[in-house]
Amino acid sequence: MAFKSCTHLSSKGAISSLGALALCSPRSWLASFARQSILSALTSAISVGYLIVDDAEGSHAYGFFKKGCNHVHIKVKSDNFWLRLILSGDLGSKRT
């Protein structure tokens, strides 16, 4: 189930922004908070290796890339990833 992202708000003023936030589901707010918190924490967390996180809102790189170094590329397909990660610390994959 897809949820409307709350991170792209109208730039027409505070009233429009508040209206856009009111239209978002609580789950979408929580997913947005989880995403921002996790991406912020990764900024200082990666000291060895290189991590790329791609999601619907863009690509984020952490650490320093060196040829032959460890590197990981994560493609986030659902906002549920952010919720699972912040609530349980689970990075496991779900097979269907």
PDB file of N, CA and C in Angstrom:
ATOM      1  N   MET A   1       0.838  -1.165   0.000  1.00  0.00           N
ATOM      2  CA  MET A   1       0.000   0.000   0.000  1.00  0.00           C
ATOM      3  C   MET A   1       0.891   1.238   0.000  1.00  0.00           C
ATOM      4  N   ALA A   2       0.689   2.113  -0.930  1.00  0.00           N
ATOM      5  CA  ALA A   2       1.506   3.327  -1.046  1.00  0.00           C
ATOM      6  C   ALA A   2       0.859   4.459  -0.262  1.00  0.00           C
ATOM      7  N   PHE A   3       1.690   5.275   0.361  1.00  0.00           N
ATOM      8  CA  PHE A   3       1.215   6.425   1.115  1.00  0.00           C
ATOM      9  C   PHE A   3       1.800   7.679   0.512  1.00  0.00           C
ATOM     10  N   LYS A   4       1.035   8.748   0.568  1.00  0.00           N
ATOM     11  CA  LYS A   4       1.493  10.035   0.061  1.00  0.00           C
ATOM     12  C   LYS A   4       2.638  10.536   0.933  1.00  0.00           C
ATOM     13  N   SER A   5       3.721  10.923   0.314  1.00  0.00           N
ATOM     14  CA  SER A   5       4.866  11.438   1.054  1.00  0.00           C
ATOM     15  C   SER A   5       4.581  12.838   1.557  1.00  0.00           C
ATOM     16  N   CYS A   6       5.017  13.125   2.770  1.00  0.00           N
ATOM     17  CA  CYS A   6       4.816  14.451   3.360  1.00  0.00           C
ATOM     18  C   CYS A   6       6.028  15.342   3.189  1.00  0.00           C
ATOM     19  N   THR A   7       7.042  14.901   2.489  1.00  0.00           N
ATOM     20  CA  THR A   7       8.256  15.692   2.406  1.00  0.00           C
ATOM     21  C   THR A   7       8.224  16.714   1.284  1.00  0.00           C
ATOM     22  N   HIS A   8       7.315  16.586   0.336  1.00  0.00           N
ATOM     23  CA  HIS A   8       7.198  17.560  -0.745  1.00  0.00           C
ATOM     24  C   HIS A   8       5.991  18.445  -0.463  1.00  0.00           C
ATOM     25  N   LEU A   9       6.231  19.571   0.175  1.00  0.00           N
ATOM     26  CA  LEU A   9       5.144  20.460   0.549  1.00  0.00           C
ATOM     27  C   LEU A   9       5.036  21.616  -0.431  1.00  0.00           C
ATOM     28  N   SER A  10       3.861  22.178  -0.500  1.00  0.00           N
ATOM     29  CA  SER A  10       3.622  23.325  -1.363  1.00  0.00           C
ATOM     30  C   SER A  10       4.497  24.495  -0.942  1.00  0.00           C
ATOM     31  N   SER A  11       4.990  25.253  -1.909  1.00  0.00           N
ATOM     32  CA  SER A  11       5.825  26.414  -1.592  1.00  0.00           C
ATOM     33  C   SER A  11       5.020  27.716  -1.624  1.00  0.00           C
ATOM     34  N   LYS A  12       3.695  27.631  -1.601  1.00  0.00           N
ATOM     35  CA  LYS A  12       2.851  28.821  -1.701  1.00  0.00           C
ATOM     36  C   LYS A  12       2.607  29.502  -0.361  1.00  0.00           C
ATOM     37  N   GLY A  13       3.254  29.052   0.697  1.00  0.00           N
ATOM     38  CA  GLY A  13       3.104  29.713   1.989  1.00  0.00           C
ATOM     39  C   GLY A  13       2.775  28.747   3.098  1.00  0.00           C
ATOM     40  N   ALA A  14       2.772  29.292   4.306  1.00  0.00           N
ATOM     41  CA  ALA A  14       2.560  28.468   5.492  1.00  0.00           C
ATOM     42  C   ALA A  14       1.179  27.826   5.509  1.00  0.00           C
ATOM     43  N   ILE A  15       0.162  28.545   5.069  1.00  0.00           N
ATOM     44  CA  ILE A  15      -1.191  27.998   5.083  1.00  0.00           C
ATOM     45  C   ILE A  15      -1.272  26.787   4.168  1.00  0.00           C
ATOM     46  N   SER A  16      -0.711  26.879   2.978  1.00  0.00           N
ATOM     47  CA  SER A  16      -0.721  25.762   2.046  1.00  0.00           C
ATOM     48  C   SER A  16       0.051  24.581   2.604  1.00  0.00           C
ATOM     49  N   SER A  17       1.186  24.842   3.249  1.00  0.00           N
ATOM     50  CA  SER A  17       1.997  23.776   3.820  1.00  0.00           C
ATOM     51  C   SER A  17       1.246  23.057   4.926  1.00  0.00           C
ATOM     52  N   LEU A  18       0.569  23.817   5.784  1.00  0.00           N
ATOM     53  CA  LEU A  18      -0.209  23.195   6.846  1.00  0.00           C
ATOM     54  C   LEU A  18      -1.340  22.361   6.267  1.00  0.00           C
ATOM     55  N   GLY A  19      -1.945  22.848   5.205  1.00  0.00           N
ATOM     56  CA  GLY A  19      -3.001  22.085   4.554  1.00  0.00           C
ATOM     57  C   GLY A  19      -2.480  20.792   3.964  1.00  0.00           C
ATOM     58  N   ALA A  20      -1.295  20.838   3.371  1.00  0.00           N
ATOM     59  CA  ALA A  20      -0.702  19.633   2.795  1.00  0.00           C
ATOM     60  C   ALA A  20      -0.374  18.625   3.885  1.00  0.00           C
ATOM     61  N   LEU A  21       0.132  19.095   5.024  1.00  0.00           N
ATOM     62  CA  LEU A  21       0.437  18.187   6.129  1.00  0.00           C
ATOM     63  C   LEU A  21      -0.827  17.533   6.672  1.00  0.00           C
ATOM     64  N   ALA A  22      -1.915  18.283   6.707  1.00  0.00           N
ATOM     65  CA  ALA A  22      -3.164  17.749   7.233  1.00  0.00           C
ATOM     66  C   ALA A  22      -3.701  16.623   6.364  1.00  0.00           C
ATOM     67  N   LEU A  23      -3.352  16.616   5.080  1.00  0.00           N
ATOM     68  CA  LEU A  23      -3.833  15.588   4.171  1.00  0.00           C
ATOM     69  C   LEU A  23      -3.035  14.294   4.271  1.00  0.00           C
ATOM     70  N   CYS A  24      -1.875  14.328   4.879  1.00  0.00           N
ATOM     71  CA  CYS A  24      -1.027  13.147   4.996  1.00  0.00           C
ATOM     72  C   CYS A  24      -1.521  12.248   6.119  1.00  0.00           C
ATOM     73  N   SER A  25      -1.380  10.952   5.906  1.00  0.00           N
ATOM     74  CA  SER A  25      -1.773  10.007   6.946  1.00  0.00           C
ATOM     75  C   SER A  25      -0.737  10.001   8.066  1.00  0.00           C
ATOM     76  N   PRO A  26      -1.136   9.629   9.280  1.00  0.00           N
ATOM     77  CA  PRO A  26      -0.165   9.531  10.378  1.00  0.00           C
ATOM     78  C   PRO A  26       0.978   8.571  10.048  1.00  0.00           C
ATOM     79  N   ARG A  27       0.678   7.508   9.326  1.00  0.00           N
ATOM     80  CA  ARG A  27       1.716   6.554   8.938  1.00  0.00           C
ATOM     81  C   ARG A  27       2.733   7.220   8.017  1.00  0.00           C
ATOM     82  N   SER A  28       2.270   8.076   7.125  1.00  0.00           N
ATOM     83  CA  SER A  28       3.164   8.792   6.223  1.00  0.00           C
ATOM     84  C   SER A  28       4.048   9.763   6.995  1.00  0.00           C
ATOM     85  N   TRP A  29       3.498  10.427   7.989  1.00  0.00           N
ATOM     86  CA  TRP A  29       4.291  11.332   8.838  1.00  0.00           C
ATOM     87  C   TRP A  29       5.384  10.551   9.537  1.00  0.00           C
ATOM     88  N   LEU A  30       5.015   9.391  10.088  1.00  0.00           N
ATOM     89  CA  LEU A  30       5.978   8.570  10.813  1.00  0.00           C
ATOM     90  C   LEU A  30       7.067   8.061   9.874  1.00  0.00           C
ATOM     91  N   ALA A  31       6.692   7.640   8.673  1.00  0.00           N
ATOM     92  CA  ALA A  31       7.683   7.167   7.698  1.00  0.00           C
ATOM     93  C   ALA A  31       8.634   8.292   7.313  1.00  0.00           C
ATOM     94  N   SER A  32       8.116   9.493   7.138  1.00  0.00           N
ATOM     95  CA  SER A  32       8.951  10.636   6.797  1.00  0.00           C
ATOM     96  C   SER A  32       9.918  10.961   7.933  1.00  0.00           C
ATOM     97  N   PHE A  33       9.430  10.926   9.169  1.00  0.00           N
ATOM     98  CA  PHE A  33      10.283  11.157  10.332  1.00  0.00           C
ATOM     99  C   PHE A  33      11.368  10.086  10.423  1.00  0.00           C
ATOM    100  N   ALA A  34      10.979   8.827  10.241  1.00  0.00           N
ATOM    101  CA  ALA A  34      11.942   7.722  10.311  1.00  0.00           C
ATOM    102  C   ALA A  34      13.010   7.877   9.243  1.00  0.00           C
ATOM    103  N   ARG A  35      12.599   8.199   8.023  1.00  0.00           N
ATOM    104  CA  ARG A  35      13.547   8.369   6.916  1.00  0.00           C
ATOM    105  C   ARG A  35      14.556   9.464   7.230  1.00  0.00           C
ATOM    106  N   GLN A  36      14.054  10.632   7.625  1.00  0.00           N
ATOM    107  CA  GLN A  36      14.943  11.756   7.920  1.00  0.00           C
ATOM    108  C   GLN A  36      15.895  11.440   9.070  1.00  0.00           C
ATOM    109  N   SER A  37      15.394  10.770  10.096  1.00  0.00           N
ATOM    110  CA  SER A  37      16.229  10.416  11.250  1.00  0.00           C
ATOM    111  C   SER A  37      17.333   9.447  10.861  1.00  0.00           C
ATOM    112  N   ILE A  38      16.981   8.435  10.080  1.00  0.00           N
ATOM    113  CA  ILE A  38      17.961   7.424   9.676  1.00  0.00           C
ATOM    114  C   ILE A  38      19.007   8.028   8.753  1.00  0.00           C
ATOM    115  N   LEU A  39      18.571   8.785   7.752  1.00  0.00           N
ATOM    116  CA  LEU A  39      19.533   9.389   6.827  1.00  0.00           C
ATOM    117  C   LEU A  39      20.450  10.372   7.553  1.00  0.00           C
ATOM    118  N   SER A  40      19.915  11.081   8.523  1.00  0.00           N
ATOM    119  CA  SER A  40      20.735  12.002   9.305  1.00  0.00           C
ATOM    120  C   SER A  40      21.775  11.247  10.132  1.00  0.00           C
ATOM    121  N   ALA A  41      21.368  10.151  10.747  1.00  0.00           N
ATOM    122  CA  ALA A  41      22.294   9.353  11.560  1.00  0.00           C
ATOM    123  C   ALA A  41      23.399   8.738  10.707  1.00  0.00           C
ATOM    124  N   LEU A  42      23.079   8.367   9.476  1.00  0.00           N
ATOM    125  CA  LEU A  42      24.080   7.745   8.601  1.00  0.00           C
ATOM    126  C   LEU A  42      25.202   8.707   8.225  1.00  0.00           C
ATOM    127  N   THR A  43      24.931   9.996   8.280  1.00  0.00           N
ATOM    128  CA  THR A  43      25.937  10.995   7.914  1.00  0.00           C
ATOM    129  C   THR A  43      27.221  10.828   8.715  1.00  0.00           C
ATOM    130  N   SER A  44      27.095  10.552  10.001  1.00  0.00           N
ATOM    131  CA  SER A  44      28.291  10.394  10.836  1.00  0.00           C
ATOM    132  C   SER A  44      28.576   8.941  11.204  1.00  0.00           C
ATOM    133  N   ALA A  45      27.700   8.018  10.813  1.00  0.00           N
ATOM    134  CA  ALA A  45      27.842   6.620  11.235  1.00  0.00           C
ATOM    135  C   ALA A  45      28.794   5.801  10.367  1.00  0.00           C
ATOM    136  N   ILE A  46      28.957   6.154   9.105  1.00  0.00           N
ATOM    137  CA  ILE A  46      29.781   5.357   8.197  1.00  0.00           C
ATOM    138  C   ILE A  46      31.200   5.906   8.215  1.00  0.00           C
ATOM    139  N   SER A  47      32.114   5.149   8.823  1.00  0.00           N
ATOM    140  CA  SER A  47      33.511   5.594   8.879  1.00  0.00           C
ATOM    141  C   SER A  47      34.422   4.732   8.008  1.00  0.00           C
ATOM    142  N   VAL A  48      33.981   3.527   7.685  1.00  0.00           N
ATOM    143  CA  VAL A  48      34.750   2.632   6.819  1.00  0.00           C
ATOM    144  C   VAL A  48      33.816   2.125   5.736  1.00  0.00           C
ATOM    145  N   GLY A  49      34.241   2.186   4.492  1.00  0.00           N
ATOM    146  CA  GLY A  49      33.414   1.709   3.392  1.00  0.00           C
ATOM    147  C   GLY A  49      32.564   2.816   2.793  1.00  0.00           C
ATOM    148  N   TYR A  50      31.610   2.393   1.972  1.00  0.00           N
ATOM    149  CA  TYR A  50      30.803   3.340   1.209  1.00  0.00           C
ATOM    150  C   TYR A  50      29.392   2.788   1.092  1.00  0.00           C
ATOM    151  N   LEU A  51      28.396   3.605   1.377  1.00  0.00           N
ATOM    152  CA  LEU A  51      26.998   3.204   1.335  1.00  0.00           C
ATOM    153  C   LEU A  51      26.220   4.171   0.461  1.00  0.00           C
ATOM    154  N   ILE A  52      25.416   3.616  -0.443  1.00  0.00           N
ATOM    155  CA  ILE A  52      24.498   4.409  -1.263  1.00  0.00           C
ATOM    156  C   ILE A  52      23.087   3.943  -0.934  1.00  0.00           C
ATOM    157  N   VAL A  53      22.214   4.883  -0.614  1.00  0.00           N
ATOM    158  CA  VAL A  53      20.810   4.586  -0.344  1.00  0.00           C
ATOM    159  C   VAL A  53      19.983   5.327  -1.385  1.00  0.00           C
ATOM    160  N   ASP A  54      19.229   4.576  -2.181  1.00  0.00           N
ATOM    161  CA  ASP A  54      18.323   5.150  -3.183  1.00  0.00           C
ATOM    162  C   ASP A  54      16.893   4.921  -2.727  1.00  0.00           C
ATOM    163  N   ASP A  55      16.076   5.952  -2.803  1.00  0.00           N
ATOM    164  CA  ASP A  55      14.650   5.802  -2.557  1.00  0.00           C
ATOM    165  C   ASP A  55      13.892   6.699  -3.528  1.00  0.00           C
ATOM    166  N   ALA A  56      12.590   6.798  -3.357  1.00  0.00           N
ATOM    167  CA  ALA A  56      11.762   7.566  -4.285  1.00  0.00           C
ATOM    168  C   ALA A  56      12.119   9.050  -4.301  1.00  0.00           C
ATOM    169  N   GLU A  57      12.791   9.531  -3.263  1.00  0.00           N
ATOM    170  CA  GLU A  57      13.098  10.958  -3.172  1.00  0.00           C
ATOM    171  C   GLU A  57      14.530  11.304  -3.530  1.00  0.00           C
ATOM    172  N   GLY A  58      15.335  10.313  -3.897  1.00  0.00           N
ATOM    173  CA  GLY A  58      16.696  10.623  -4.311  1.00  0.00           C
ATOM    174  C   GLY A  58      17.719   9.595  -3.882  1.00  0.00           C
ATOM    175  N   SER A  59      18.968   9.934  -4.130  1.00  0.00           N
ATOM    176  CA  SER A  59      20.093   9.063  -3.809  1.00  0.00           C
ATOM    177  C   SER A  59      20.978   9.760  -2.779  1.00  0.00           C
ATOM    178  N   HIS A  60      21.441   8.997  -1.798  1.00  0.00           N
ATOM    179  CA  HIS A  60      22.272   9.537  -0.725  1.00  0.00           C
ATOM    180  C   HIS A  60      23.497   8.652  -0.570  1.00  0.00           C
ATOM    181  N   ALA A  61      24.676   9.266  -0.514  1.00  0.00           N
ATOM    182  CA  ALA A  61      25.934   8.525  -0.379  1.00  0.00           C
ATOM    183  C   ALA A  61      26.588   8.857   0.955  1.00  0.00           C
ATOM    184  N   TYR A  62      27.147   7.828   1.581  1.00  0.00           N
ATOM    185  CA  TYR A  62      27.786   7.979   2.893  1.00  0.00           C
ATOM    186  C   TYR A  62      29.135   7.286   2.872  1.00  0.00           C
ATOM    187  N   GLY A  63      30.084   7.839   3.599  1.00  0.00           N
ATOM    188  CA  GLY A  63      31.431   7.292   3.637  1.00  0.00           C
ATOM    189  C   GLY A  63      32.242   7.830   2.474  1.00  0.00           C
ATOM    190  N   PHE A  64      33.363   7.183   2.221  1.00  0.00           N
ATOM    191  CA  PHE A  64      34.256   7.617   1.150  1.00  0.00           C
ATOM    192  C   PHE A  64      34.545   6.444   0.233  1.00  0.00           C
ATOM    193  N   PHE A  65      34.300   6.630  -1.058  1.00  0.00           N
ATOM    194  CA  PHE A  65      34.535   5.559  -2.015  1.00  0.00           C
ATOM    195  C   PHE A  65      36.011   5.485  -2.366  1.00  0.00           C
ATOM    196  N   LYS A  66      36.536   4.277  -2.289  1.00  0.00           N
ATOM    197  CA  LYS A  66      37.894   3.992  -2.743  1.00  0.00           C
ATOM    198  C   LYS A  66      37.822   2.717  -3.557  1.00  0.00           C
ATOM    199  N   LYS A  67      38.537   2.677  -4.640  1.00  0.00           N
ATOM    200  CA  LYS A  67      38.550   1.481  -5.479  1.00  0.00           C
ATOM    201  C   LYS A  67      38.987   0.286  -4.638  1.00  0.00           C
ATOM    202  N   GLY A  68      38.217  -0.772  -4.693  1.00  0.00           N
ATOM    203  CA  GLY A  68      38.517  -1.984  -3.944  1.00  0.00           C
ATOM    204  C   GLY A  68      37.984  -1.992  -2.521  1.00  0.00           C
ATOM    205  N   CYS A  69      37.343  -0.903  -2.092  1.00  0.00           N
ATOM    206  CA  CYS A  69      36.813  -0.861  -0.723  1.00  0.00           C
ATOM    207  C   CYS A  69      35.436  -1.533  -0.678  1.00  0.00           C
ATOM    208  N   ASN A  70      34.976  -1.801   0.529  1.00  0.00           N
ATOM    209  CA  ASN A  70      33.634  -2.342   0.704  1.00  0.00           C
ATOM    210  C   ASN A  70      32.619  -1.269   0.341  1.00  0.00           C
ATOM    211  N   HIS A  71      31.612  -1.663  -0.432  1.00  0.00           N
ATOM    212  CA  HIS A  71      30.539  -0.724  -0.735  1.00  0.00           C
ATOM    213  C   HIS A  71      29.215  -1.475  -0.821  1.00  0.00           C
ATOM    214  N   VAL A  72      28.166  -0.794  -0.408  1.00  0.00           N
ATOM    215  CA  VAL A  72      26.824  -1.373  -0.387  1.00  0.00           C
ATOM    216  C   VAL A  72      25.877  -0.385  -1.051  1.00  0.00           C
ATOM    217  N   HIS A  73      24.945  -0.923  -1.839  1.00  0.00           N
ATOM    218  CA  HIS A  73      23.941  -0.108  -2.517  1.00  0.00           C
ATOM    219  C   HIS A  73      22.572  -0.642  -2.090  1.00  0.00           C
ATOM    220  N   ILE A  74      21.792   0.185  -1.405  1.00  0.00           N
ATOM    221  CA  ILE A  74      20.456  -0.201  -0.954  1.00  0.00           C
ATOM    222  C   ILE A  74      19.431   0.584  -1.757  1.00  0.00           C
ATOM    223  N   LYS A  75      18.484  -0.142  -2.364  1.00  0.00           N
ATOM    224  CA  LYS A  75      17.392   0.508  -3.086  1.00  0.00           C
ATOM    225  C   LYS A  75      16.114   0.295  -2.276  1.00  0.00           C
ATOM    226  N   VAL A  76      15.577   1.374  -1.744  1.00  0.00           N
ATOM    227  CA  VAL A  76      14.375   1.320  -0.914  1.00  0.00           C
ATOM    228  C   VAL A  76      13.159   1.386  -1.832  1.00  0.00           C
ATOM    229  N   LYS A  77      12.330   0.348  -1.789  1.00  0.00           N
ATOM    230  CA  LYS A  77      11.165   0.273  -2.670  1.00  0.00           C
ATOM    231  C   LYS A  77       9.865   0.680  -1.981  1.00  0.00           C
ATOM    232  N   SER A  78       9.887   0.756  -0.650  1.00  0.00           N
ATOM    233  CA  SER A  78       8.673   1.072   0.094  1.00  0.00           C
ATOM    234  C   SER A  78       9.022   1.858   1.353  1.00  0.00           C
ATOM    235  N   ASP A  79       8.155   2.780   1.740  1.00  0.00           N
ATOM    236  CA  ASP A  79       8.345   3.521   2.986  1.00  0.00           C
ATOM    237  C   ASP A  79       8.293   2.604   4.201  1.00  0.00           C
ATOM    238  N   ASN A  80       7.740   1.406   4.035  1.00  0.00           N
ATOM    239  CA  ASN A  80       7.719   0.446   5.136  1.00  0.00           C
ATOM    240  C   ASN A  80       9.131   0.119   5.607  1.00  0.00           C
ATOM    241  N   PHE A  81      10.113   0.204   4.716  1.00  0.00           N
ATOM    242  CA  PHE A  81      11.511  -0.039   5.077  1.00  0.00           C
ATOM    243  C   PHE A  81      11.939   0.888   6.206  1.00  0.00           C
ATOM    244  N   TRP A  82      11.643   2.188   6.062  1.00  0.00           N
ATOM    245  CA  TRP A  82      12.048   3.166   7.066  1.00  0.00           C
ATOM    246  C   TRP A  82      11.389   2.879   8.405  1.00  0.00           C
ATOM    247  N   LEU A  83      10.113   2.513   8.381  1.00  0.00           N
ATOM    248  CA  LEU A  83       9.397   2.199   9.613  1.00  0.00           C
ATOM    249  C   LEU A  83       9.973   0.961  10.288  1.00  0.00           C
ATOM    250  N   ARG A  84      10.212  -0.093   9.507  1.00  0.00           N
ATOM    251  CA  ARG A  84      10.791  -1.318  10.075  1.00  0.00           C
ATOM    252  C   ARG A  84      12.152  -1.046  10.679  1.00  0.00           C
ATOM    253  N   LEU A  85      12.961  -0.280   9.978  1.00  0.00           N
ATOM    254  CA  LEU A  85      14.318  -0.016  10.444  1.00  0.00           C
ATOM    255  C   LEU A  85      14.327   0.789  11.742  1.00  0.00           C
ATOM    256  N   ILE A  86      13.524   1.821  11.821  1.00  0.00           N
ATOM    257  CA  ILE A  86      13.546   2.652  13.030  1.00  0.00           C
ATOM    258  C   ILE A  86      12.870   1.958  14.213  1.00  0.00           C
ATOM    259  N   LEU A  87      11.879   1.117  13.956  1.00  0.00           N
ATOM    260  CA  LEU A  87      11.170   0.459  15.052  1.00  0.00           C
ATOM    261  C   LEU A  87      11.861  -0.807  15.541  1.00  0.00           C
ATOM    262  N   SER A  88      12.549  -1.515  14.642  1.00  0.00           N
ATOM    263  CA  SER A  88      13.132  -2.793  15.058  1.00  0.00           C
ATOM    264  C   SER A  88      14.606  -2.954  14.710  1.00  0.00           C
ATOM    265  N   GLY A  89      15.154  -2.059  13.924  1.00  0.00           N
ATOM    266  CA  GLY A  89      16.551  -2.213  13.516  1.00  0.00           C
ATOM    267  C   GLY A  89      16.745  -3.354  12.536  1.00  0.00           C
ATOM    268  N   ASP A  90      15.685  -3.810  11.895  1.00  0.00           N
ATOM    269  CA  ASP A  90      15.716  -4.965  11.000  1.00  0.00           C
ATOM    270  C   ASP A  90      16.049  -4.547   9.578  1.00  0.00           C
ATOM    271  N   LEU A  91      17.154  -5.066   9.059  1.00  0.00           N
ATOM    272  CA  LEU A  91      17.510  -4.821   7.663  1.00  0.00           C
ATOM    273  C   LEU A  91      17.290  -6.059   6.805  1.00  0.00           C
ATOM    274  N   GLY A  92      16.674  -7.083   7.353  1.00  0.00           N
ATOM    275  CA  GLY A  92      16.446  -8.322   6.614  1.00  0.00           C
ATOM    276  C   GLY A  92      15.509  -8.117   5.449  1.00  0.00           C
ATOM    277  N   SER A  93      15.595  -9.003   4.484  1.00  0.00           N
ATOM    278  CA  SER A  93      14.719  -8.898   3.315  1.00  0.00           C
ATOM    279  C   SER A  93      13.513  -9.801   3.500  1.00  0.00           C
ATOM    280  N   LYS A  94      12.422  -9.398   2.910  1.00  0.00           N
ATOM    281  CA  LYS A  94      11.200 -10.185   2.951  1.00  0.00           C
ATOM    282  C   LYS A  94      11.021 -10.826   1.588  1.00  0.00           C
ATOM    283  N   ARG A  95      10.921 -12.123   1.583  1.00  0.00           N
ATOM    284  CA  ARG A  95      10.729 -12.829   0.310  1.00  0.00           C
ATOM    285  C   ARG A  95       9.258 -13.144   0.124  1.00  0.00           C
ATOM    286  N   THR A  96       8.797 -12.947  -1.099  1.00  0.00           N
ATOM    287  CA  THR A  96       7.392 -13.241  -1.393  1.00  0.00           C
ATOM    288  C   THR A  96       7.296 -14.318  -2.426  1.00  0.00           C
TER     289      THR A  96
END
